[in-house]
């Protein structure tokens, strides 16, 4: 049982860290990351908050993950919901300042990408199920035999193009993200000697059985 508590704490820390990393890239003020180009574009079009828009995009991505036969677990559901909630909370609290110069913005943006990569390691390694976007990344890696870094870059580029057509803002940060995010994820995974495709992610049924012994 203690192992479950430790893993759950790891999951929750990773999700909070992920939201913080996303908001760092947004507050860098040099253009949005690819998924946020999509989220902001949809938010502007629909009038829904940025966090809630992120949740709905997550729902759609989950459907794609099901088609790739990826395991959906507690982590998948909490990722889909809590990151969006945390994003809106961080915006309301105003705890991340907006960068006032391009150089500071670049540094802040790149740092945010590595925070996101570290967050990805934490919640994926908990084994409760990858988040929607990372489940899609891992599913592509398994299906195509490509590295998670390459698959992540492909997904980021696709989100950028789709987000642009929905009216999202594409800037220097978008280009930096497309070029660096795959490298950041792969670097962090290599640092921790972590193979995302080798992790057994529990389904909701397995987690409940482990906790309640049924």
C-alpha atoms as a PDB file:
ATOM      1  CA  UNK A   1       0.000   0.000   0.000  1.00  0.00           C
ATOM      2  CA  UNK A   2       2.884   2.354   0.829  1.00  0.00           C
ATOM      3  CA  UNK A   3       4.168   1.818  -2.697  1.00  0.00           C
ATOM      4  CA  UNK A   4       0.841   3.051  -4.066  1.00  0.00           C
ATOM      5  CA  UNK A   5       0.970   6.176  -1.929  1.00  0.00           C
ATOM      6  CA  UNK A   6       4.510   6.915  -3.098  1.00  0.00           C
ATOM      7  CA  UNK A   7       3.571   6.387  -6.721  1.00  0.00           C
ATOM      8  CA  UNK A   8       0.451   8.534  -6.362  1.00  0.00           C
ATOM      9  CA  UNK A   9       2.522  11.348  -4.818  1.00  0.00           C
ATOM     10  CA  UNK A  10       4.933  11.045  -7.752  1.00  0.00           C
ATOM     11  CA  UNK A  11       2.003  11.281 -10.182  1.00  0.00           C
ATOM     12  CA  UNK A  12       0.480  14.341  -8.518  1.00  0.00           C
ATOM     13  CA  UNK A  13       3.828  16.126  -8.302  1.00  0.00           C
ATOM     14  CA  UNK A  14       4.429  15.436 -11.989  1.00  0.00           C
ATOM     15  CA  UNK A  15       1.048  16.866 -13.014  1.00  0.00           C
ATOM     16  CA  UNK A  16       1.533  20.045 -10.993  1.00  0.00           C
ATOM     17  CA  UNK A  17       5.055  20.419 -12.387  1.00  0.00           C
ATOM     18  CA  UNK A  18       3.712  19.919 -15.910  1.00  0.00           C
ATOM     19  CA  UNK A  19       1.161  22.716 -15.550  1.00  0.00           C
ATOM     20  CA  UNK A  20       3.868  24.965 -14.097  1.00  0.00           C
ATOM     21  CA  UNK A  21       6.147  24.220 -17.072  1.00  0.00           C
ATOM     22  CA  UNK A  22       3.373  25.000 -19.551  1.00  0.00           C
ATOM     23  CA  UNK A  23       2.655  28.330 -17.885  1.00  0.00           C
ATOM     24  CA  UNK A  24       6.393  29.163 -17.907  1.00  0.00           C
ATOM     25  CA  UNK A  25       6.407  28.789 -21.699  1.00  0.00           C
ATOM     26  CA  UNK A  26       3.262  30.902 -22.030  1.00  0.00           C
ATOM     27  CA  UNK A  27       4.533  33.631 -19.706  1.00  0.00           C
ATOM     28  CA  UNK A  28       7.850  33.683 -21.584  1.00  0.00           C
ATOM     29  CA  UNK A  29       5.927  35.963 -23.953  1.00  0.00           C
ATOM     30  CA  UNK A  30       7.735  34.923 -27.147  1.00  0.00           C
ATOM     31  CA  UNK A  31       4.993  32.818 -28.707  1.00  0.00           C
ATOM     32  CA  UNK A  32       3.121  29.729 -27.562  1.00  0.00           C
ATOM     33  CA  UNK A  33       4.272  26.124 -27.563  1.00  0.00           C
ATOM     34  CA  UNK A  34       2.571  23.939 -30.198  1.00  0.00           C
ATOM     35  CA  UNK A  35      -0.174  22.440 -28.037  1.00  0.00           C
ATOM     36  CA  UNK A  36      -0.822  25.852 -26.526  1.00  0.00           C
ATOM     37  CA  UNK A  37      -1.144  27.379 -29.989  1.00  0.00           C
ATOM     38  CA  UNK A  38      -3.987  24.901 -30.386  1.00  0.00           C
ATOM     39  CA  UNK A  39      -5.418  25.469 -26.900  1.00  0.00           C
ATOM     40  CA  UNK A  40      -5.283  29.270 -27.123  1.00  0.00           C
ATOM     41  CA  UNK A  41      -6.699  29.246 -30.656  1.00  0.00           C
ATOM     42  CA  UNK A  42      -9.632  27.099 -29.569  1.00  0.00           C
ATOM     43  CA  UNK A  43     -10.070  29.156 -26.385  1.00  0.00           C
ATOM     44  CA  UNK A  44     -10.291  32.376 -28.379  1.00  0.00           C
ATOM     45  CA  UNK A  45     -12.694  30.810 -30.868  1.00  0.00           C
ATOM     46  CA  UNK A  46     -15.025  29.256 -28.289  1.00  0.00           C
ATOM     47  CA  UNK A  47     -14.642  31.666 -25.359  1.00  0.00           C
ATOM     48  CA  UNK A  48     -13.844  28.755 -23.032  1.00  0.00           C
ATOM     49  CA  UNK A  49     -11.004  29.167 -20.507  1.00  0.00           C
ATOM     50  CA  UNK A  50      -7.537  27.938 -21.466  1.00  0.00           C
ATOM     51  CA  UNK A  51      -7.563  25.177 -18.865  1.00  0.00           C
ATOM     52  CA  UNK A  52     -10.986  23.846 -19.852  1.00  0.00           C
ATOM     53  CA  UNK A  53      -9.981  23.929 -23.522  1.00  0.00           C
ATOM     54  CA  UNK A  54      -6.924  21.843 -22.618  1.00  0.00           C
ATOM     55  CA  UNK A  55      -9.209  19.308 -20.943  1.00  0.00           C
ATOM     56  CA  UNK A  56     -11.434  18.958 -24.023  1.00  0.00           C
ATOM     57  CA  UNK A  57      -8.441  18.527 -26.318  1.00  0.00           C
ATOM     58  CA  UNK A  58      -7.270  15.835 -23.904  1.00  0.00           C
ATOM     59  CA  UNK A  59     -10.577  14.005 -24.292  1.00  0.00           C
ATOM     60  CA  UNK A  60     -10.134  13.906 -28.080  1.00  0.00           C
ATOM     61  CA  UNK A  61      -6.548  12.685 -27.754  1.00  0.00           C
ATOM     62  CA  UNK A  62      -7.697   9.942 -25.352  1.00  0.00           C
ATOM     63  CA  UNK A  63      -9.971   8.628 -28.098  1.00  0.00           C
ATOM     64  CA  UNK A  64      -6.941   8.404 -30.417  1.00  0.00           C
ATOM     65  CA  UNK A  65      -5.018   6.573 -27.684  1.00  0.00           C
ATOM     66  CA  UNK A  66      -7.814   4.031 -27.372  1.00  0.00           C
ATOM     67  CA  UNK A  67      -7.521   3.398 -31.109  1.00  0.00           C
ATOM     68  CA  UNK A  68      -3.774   2.764 -30.597  1.00  0.00           C
ATOM     69  CA  UNK A  69      -4.700   0.341 -27.771  1.00  0.00           C
ATOM     70  CA  UNK A  70      -2.779   2.274 -25.116  1.00  0.00           C
ATOM     71  CA  UNK A  71      -3.630   1.542 -21.485  1.00  0.00           C
ATOM     72  CA  UNK A  72      -5.780   4.245 -19.924  1.00  0.00           C
ATOM     73  CA  UNK A  73      -5.487   4.473 -16.177  1.00  0.00           C
ATOM     74  CA  UNK A  74      -5.863   6.766 -13.216  1.00  0.00           C
ATOM     75  CA  UNK A  75      -2.929   8.876 -14.404  1.00  0.00           C
ATOM     76  CA  UNK A  76      -4.521   9.380 -17.803  1.00  0.00           C
ATOM     77  CA  UNK A  77      -7.746  10.689 -16.307  1.00  0.00           C
ATOM     78  CA  UNK A  78      -6.057  12.892 -13.712  1.00  0.00           C
ATOM     79  CA  UNK A  79      -3.688  14.278 -16.338  1.00  0.00           C
ATOM     80  CA  UNK A  80      -6.585  15.125 -18.621  1.00  0.00           C
ATOM     81  CA  UNK A  81      -8.380  17.012 -15.826  1.00  0.00           C
ATOM     82  CA  UNK A  82      -5.839  18.367 -13.342  1.00  0.00           C
ATOM     83  CA  UNK A  83      -3.310  19.982 -15.677  1.00  0.00           C
ATOM     84  CA  UNK A  84      -6.064  22.190 -17.089  1.00  0.00           C
ATOM     85  CA  UNK A  85      -7.321  22.968 -13.574  1.00  0.00           C
ATOM     86  CA  UNK A  86      -3.794  23.816 -12.396  1.00  0.00           C
ATOM     87  CA  UNK A  87      -3.227  26.042 -15.438  1.00  0.00           C
ATOM     88  CA  UNK A  88      -6.333  28.111 -14.701  1.00  0.00           C
ATOM     89  CA  UNK A  89      -5.326  28.271 -11.015  1.00  0.00           C
ATOM     90  CA  UNK A  90      -1.815  29.490 -11.850  1.00  0.00           C
ATOM     91  CA  UNK A  91      -3.312  32.159 -14.127  1.00  0.00           C
ATOM     92  CA  UNK A  92      -5.682  33.346 -11.372  1.00  0.00           C
ATOM     93  CA  UNK A  93      -2.931  33.413  -8.729  1.00  0.00           C
ATOM     94  CA  UNK A  94      -0.508  35.182 -11.073  1.00  0.00           C
ATOM     95  CA  UNK A  95       2.496  33.384  -9.567  1.00  0.00           C
ATOM     96  CA  UNK A  96       4.537  33.318 -12.781  1.00  0.00           C
ATOM     97  CA  UNK A  97       5.624  36.765 -14.029  1.00  0.00           C
ATOM     98  CA  UNK A  98       5.611  37.670 -17.713  1.00  0.00           C
ATOM     99  CA  UNK A  99       9.063  37.995 -19.273  1.00  0.00           C
ATOM    100  CA  UNK A 100       9.879  41.614 -20.143  1.00  0.00           C
ATOM    101  CA  UNK A 101      12.611  40.992 -22.713  1.00  0.00           C
ATOM    102  CA  UNK A 102      13.167  38.570 -25.576  1.00  0.00           C
ATOM    103  CA  UNK A 103      16.354  37.100 -24.065  1.00  0.00           C
ATOM    104  CA  UNK A 104      14.705  36.458 -20.701  1.00  0.00           C
ATOM    105  CA  UNK A 105      11.741  35.030 -22.589  1.00  0.00           C
ATOM    106  CA  UNK A 106      13.936  32.556 -24.482  1.00  0.00           C
ATOM    107  CA  UNK A 107      15.648  31.425 -21.271  1.00  0.00           C
ATOM    108  CA  UNK A 108      12.285  31.106 -19.520  1.00  0.00           C
ATOM    109  CA  UNK A 109      10.773  29.196 -22.431  1.00  0.00           C
ATOM    110  CA  UNK A 110      13.620  26.673 -22.709  1.00  0.00           C
ATOM    111  CA  UNK A 111      13.603  26.203 -18.921  1.00  0.00           C
ATOM    112  CA  UNK A 112       9.864  25.554 -19.128  1.00  0.00           C
ATOM    113  CA  UNK A 113      10.425  22.826 -21.727  1.00  0.00           C
ATOM    114  CA  UNK A 114      12.851  21.027 -19.442  1.00  0.00           C
ATOM    115  CA  UNK A 115      10.409  21.396 -16.530  1.00  0.00           C
ATOM    116  CA  UNK A 116       7.765  19.768 -18.736  1.00  0.00           C
ATOM    117  CA  UNK A 117      10.197  16.986 -19.666  1.00  0.00           C
ATOM    118  CA  UNK A 118      10.996  16.366 -15.990  1.00  0.00           C
ATOM    119  CA  UNK A 119       7.288  16.384 -15.161  1.00  0.00           C
ATOM    120  CA  UNK A 120       6.715  13.844 -17.932  1.00  0.00           C
ATOM    121  CA  UNK A 121       9.299  11.536 -16.365  1.00  0.00           C
ATOM    122  CA  UNK A 122       7.696  11.808 -12.914  1.00  0.00           C
ATOM    123  CA  UNK A 123       4.151  11.026 -13.878  1.00  0.00           C
ATOM    124  CA  UNK A 124       4.980   8.424 -16.532  1.00  0.00           C
ATOM    125  CA  UNK A 125       7.273   6.524 -14.156  1.00  0.00           C
ATOM    126  CA  UNK A 126       4.490   6.319 -11.562  1.00  0.00           C
ATOM    127  CA  UNK A 127       2.902   3.669 -13.793  1.00  0.00           C
ATOM    128  CA  UNK A 128      -0.675   4.877 -13.368  1.00  0.00           C
ATOM    129  CA  UNK A 129      -1.114   5.492 -17.076  1.00  0.00           C
ATOM    130  CA  UNK A 130       0.318   8.155 -19.344  1.00  0.00           C
ATOM    131  CA  UNK A 131      -1.522  11.411 -19.972  1.00  0.00           C
ATOM    132  CA  UNK A 132      -3.478  11.773 -23.202  1.00  0.00           C
ATOM    133  CA  UNK A 133      -0.742  13.511 -25.216  1.00  0.00           C
ATOM    134  CA  UNK A 134       2.054  11.343 -23.863  1.00  0.00           C
ATOM    135  CA  UNK A 135       0.005   8.173 -24.335  1.00  0.00           C
ATOM    136  CA  UNK A 136      -0.266   9.190 -27.966  1.00  0.00           C
ATOM    137  CA  UNK A 137       3.507   9.804 -28.055  1.00  0.00           C
ATOM    138  CA  UNK A 138       4.292   6.400 -26.517  1.00  0.00           C
ATOM    139  CA  UNK A 139       1.672   4.679 -28.691  1.00  0.00           C
ATOM    140  CA  UNK A 140       3.256   6.128 -31.815  1.00  0.00           C
ATOM    141  CA  UNK A 141       6.691   5.048 -30.576  1.00  0.00           C
ATOM    142  CA  UNK A 142       5.503   1.477 -30.087  1.00  0.00           C
ATOM    143  CA  UNK A 143       3.571   1.383 -33.352  1.00  0.00           C
ATOM    144  CA  UNK A 144       6.245   2.947 -35.571  1.00  0.00           C
ATOM    145  CA  UNK A 145       9.401   1.878 -33.734  1.00  0.00           C
ATOM    146  CA  UNK A 146      10.659   5.471 -33.556  1.00  0.00           C
ATOM    147  CA  UNK A 147      12.143   7.158 -30.457  1.00  0.00           C
ATOM    148  CA  UNK A 148       9.833   9.071 -28.131  1.00  0.00           C
ATOM    149  CA  UNK A 149      11.787  12.217 -29.006  1.00  0.00           C
ATOM    150  CA  UNK A 150      10.991  11.894 -32.717  1.00  0.00           C
ATOM    151  CA  UNK A 151       7.341  11.062 -32.055  1.00  0.00           C
ATOM    152  CA  UNK A 152       7.000  13.991 -29.671  1.00  0.00           C
ATOM    153  CA  UNK A 153       8.414  16.363 -32.296  1.00  0.00           C
ATOM    154  CA  UNK A 154       5.950  15.094 -34.917  1.00  0.00           C
ATOM    155  CA  UNK A 155       3.014  15.616 -32.554  1.00  0.00           C
ATOM    156  CA  UNK A 156       4.175  19.100 -31.585  1.00  0.00           C
ATOM    157  CA  UNK A 157       4.466  20.118 -35.240  1.00  0.00           C
ATOM    158  CA  UNK A 158       1.011  18.739 -36.048  1.00  0.00           C
ATOM    159  CA  UNK A 159      -0.559  20.604 -33.108  1.00  0.00           C
ATOM    160  CA  UNK A 160       1.114  23.817 -34.281  1.00  0.00           C
ATOM    161  CA  UNK A 161      -0.330  23.586 -37.784  1.00  0.00           C
ATOM    162  CA  UNK A 162      -3.819  22.755 -36.513  1.00  0.00           C
ATOM    163  CA  UNK A 163      -3.663  25.484 -33.861  1.00  0.00           C
ATOM    164  CA  UNK A 164      -2.579  28.080 -36.417  1.00  0.00           C
ATOM    165  CA  UNK A 165      -5.685  27.421 -38.492  1.00  0.00           C
ATOM    166  CA  UNK A 166      -7.826  27.919 -35.370  1.00  0.00           C
ATOM    167  CA  UNK A 167      -6.264  31.336 -34.831  1.00  0.00           C
ATOM    168  CA  UNK A 168      -3.543  30.468 -32.343  1.00  0.00           C
ATOM    169  CA  UNK A 169      -0.447  32.665 -32.235  1.00  0.00           C
ATOM    170  CA  UNK A 170       2.722  31.183 -33.695  1.00  0.00           C
ATOM    171  CA  UNK A 171       5.983  32.867 -32.650  1.00  0.00           C
ATOM    172  CA  UNK A 172       9.633  32.286 -31.839  1.00  0.00           C
ATOM    173  CA  UNK A 173       8.660  30.165 -28.849  1.00  0.00           C
ATOM    174  CA  UNK A 174       6.689  27.851 -31.116  1.00  0.00           C
ATOM    175  CA  UNK A 175       9.729  27.233 -33.296  1.00  0.00           C
ATOM    176  CA  UNK A 176      11.966  26.719 -30.239  1.00  0.00           C
ATOM    177  CA  UNK A 177       9.475  24.230 -28.816  1.00  0.00           C
ATOM    178  CA  UNK A 178       9.183  22.202 -32.031  1.00  0.00           C
ATOM    179  CA  UNK A 179      12.980  22.020 -32.324  1.00  0.00           C
ATOM    180  CA  UNK A 180      13.854  21.417 -28.659  1.00  0.00           C
ATOM    181  CA  UNK A 181      10.991  19.619 -26.897  1.00  0.00           C
ATOM    182  CA  UNK A 182      11.887  16.204 -28.294  1.00  0.00           C
ATOM    183  CA  UNK A 183      15.523  16.749 -27.282  1.00  0.00           C
ATOM    184  CA  UNK A 184      14.464  17.882 -23.795  1.00  0.00           C
ATOM    185  CA  UNK A 185      12.290  14.816 -23.235  1.00  0.00           C
ATOM    186  CA  UNK A 186      14.939  12.434 -24.551  1.00  0.00           C
ATOM    187  CA  UNK A 187      17.666  14.134 -22.473  1.00  0.00           C
ATOM    188  CA  UNK A 188      15.698  13.853 -19.223  1.00  0.00           C
ATOM    189  CA  UNK A 189      14.715  10.242 -19.957  1.00  0.00           C
ATOM    190  CA  UNK A 190      18.343   9.357 -20.705  1.00  0.00           C
ATOM    191  CA  UNK A 191      19.488  11.125 -17.523  1.00  0.00           C
ATOM    192  CA  UNK A 192      17.196   8.934 -15.437  1.00  0.00           C
ATOM    193  CA  UNK A 193      17.842   5.877 -17.670  1.00  0.00           C
ATOM    194  CA  UNK A 194      14.107   5.755 -18.245  1.00  0.00           C
ATOM    195  CA  UNK A 195      12.490   3.800 -21.094  1.00  0.00           C
ATOM    196  CA  UNK A 196       8.916   5.047 -21.437  1.00  0.00           C
ATOM    197  CA  UNK A 197       7.907   2.116 -23.653  1.00  0.00           C
ATOM    198  CA  UNK A 198       9.005  -0.429 -21.010  1.00  0.00           C
ATOM    199  CA  UNK A 199       6.732   0.910 -18.257  1.00  0.00           C
ATOM    200  CA  UNK A 200       3.703  -1.192 -17.379  1.00  0.00           C
ATOM    201  CA  UNK A 201       0.881   1.287 -16.962  1.00  0.00           C
ATOM    202  CA  UNK A 202      -1.937   0.022 -14.788  1.00  0.00           C
ATOM    203  CA  UNK A 203      -5.489   0.191 -15.985  1.00  0.00           C
ATOM    204  CA  UNK A 204      -8.072   1.603 -13.593  1.00  0.00           C
ATOM    205  CA  UNK A 205      -9.145  -1.947 -12.804  1.00  0.00           C
ATOM    206  CA  UNK A 206      -5.604  -2.996 -11.870  1.00  0.00           C
ATOM    207  CA  UNK A 207      -5.128   0.058  -9.657  1.00  0.00           C
ATOM    208  CA  UNK A 208      -8.381  -0.558  -7.804  1.00  0.00           C
ATOM    209  CA  UNK A 209      -7.447  -4.214  -7.326  1.00  0.00           C
ATOM    210  CA  UNK A 210      -4.046  -3.248  -5.949  1.00  0.00           C
ATOM    211  CA  UNK A 211      -5.478  -0.712  -3.515  1.00  0.00           C
ATOM    212  CA  UNK A 212      -8.505  -2.653  -2.310  1.00  0.00           C
ATOM    213  CA  UNK A 213      -7.172  -6.163  -2.833  1.00  0.00           C
ATOM    214  CA  UNK A 214      -9.942  -7.215  -5.168  1.00  0.00           C
END
